[in-house]
Amino acid sequence: MIKGNKGEWSEFYTFLKLLSERRLNGADANLQKIEDIFYPVLKIVRQEATGRMDYEFSEGSQIRILDAGVEIALVDASDLKSKITEVFGAIKESSETTFGVPVAEELMDRFKAKRLNAGNSRKEDITLKIHDMHTGTVPEVGFSIKSMLGSTATLLNASSATNFIYKIEGLNEEQISTINTLQGRSKLRDRLTAIIKAGGTFTFKGASSDTFTRNLRKVDTVLPEIVAELLLAYYSDKGKLLPDLVTKLGEGEIKILHFNLDASDYEFKTKSFLHNIALGMVPNTAWDGLLKAHGGYIVVREDGEIVCYHVYNADDFRDYLFRNTKFDTPSTSRHIFGNIYKEGGDTLLKLNLQIRFTR
């Protein structure tokens, strides 16, 4: 039996849903379908273990399956709608971390599919040939898929490359030693509170990854400093939701680097950051500025509907990301951050950046 988690099964569900409906609707910032923004789907491309598989729509309910450009099957999909309902119910109702879906496995066999998803190394989870009615073109565009059926997904995963380094001044050795002994679930907040109470000050020194720093500066030259301010505010217990932190930053409640910007400036730059992370940029790989999932984002809603964000509703997508993301605390031991340490005569502290969806 093939097993997967809800996110992995949601990718296969999206594939089946698109095979059945042959269109993809846009969404507003609240994930509500926009009826007059939609894209007729002419072909679906999946990356299988053996390579590229194309699913082309023929007359009626027929679907041509091509392996490396060679037709290997002509499949009748007339019963697909009812099967999809069963697949969705099985995914939503499962309480297991990983599980099988027998009806979906039958459909995998029918459509010559061997895997549930595109793999972790790809920004794009599915590629669609769509009819772009705005331009009259029929491009093949990649989409990333996010599911609301399982636990909240991460937008940016933690790694050693997402550590941000701060220089601390104003502490003596005894204070440093005492602060480093603070433990418990709230140890990071308690340590930062103790640093500030002891008269310590923070200066952002840089991200651990020079590559990540360059990627951020490609989006905006001051973006590393802005992210550093927001991150320090999060670990200082000033909030976790991106809109709340950005508002406090713009109103001057958070003051670390003293940029002469207002809340709307910080909001715009933060939205640009989230948008580029969602569609192309990864921390530890040099970014060329291109959006790898250049079609956009497909979201599997809790009711089974699938909607997308594409170039024509990009502002809605940026708003959606901004309103529905928060900072999250990953493992301090795994990513080696949270302890005050010495290096080159400086007293330093690393804080790790991880961003998670709220829903």
Foldseek 3Di string as FASTA:
>chain_A
DDKDALFLQVQQLVVLVCLVPQKFFAAFLVRHGDVVGMWRFAWKWAQAPQGIWIWGDDPDQWIFIDDVRHTDDIAGCPVSVVLSVQSLVVSLPDPDRMDDRVSSVVVCVRRVHDGRWRDDVALFTIWTQTQDPVVRHGDIFGAHEAEPRDPFFWLADWALQQKWKKFKDQDDPVLQVVLQPQDDPLSLLSSLVSCVVSVIAIDTDGTPAPLLLVVLVVLPVCRRVLVVQLQSCVSPVQDWALLSSLQCVQVVVRDRPDDPHHSVVSLVSVLSVSQCSSFPDHRHDRGPPDGRSQQFYWYQDPVRDIHTDGPVNVVSVSSNSRRFKTWDADDCVRNVFRRFDDDPRTTMGIGGTIMIGND
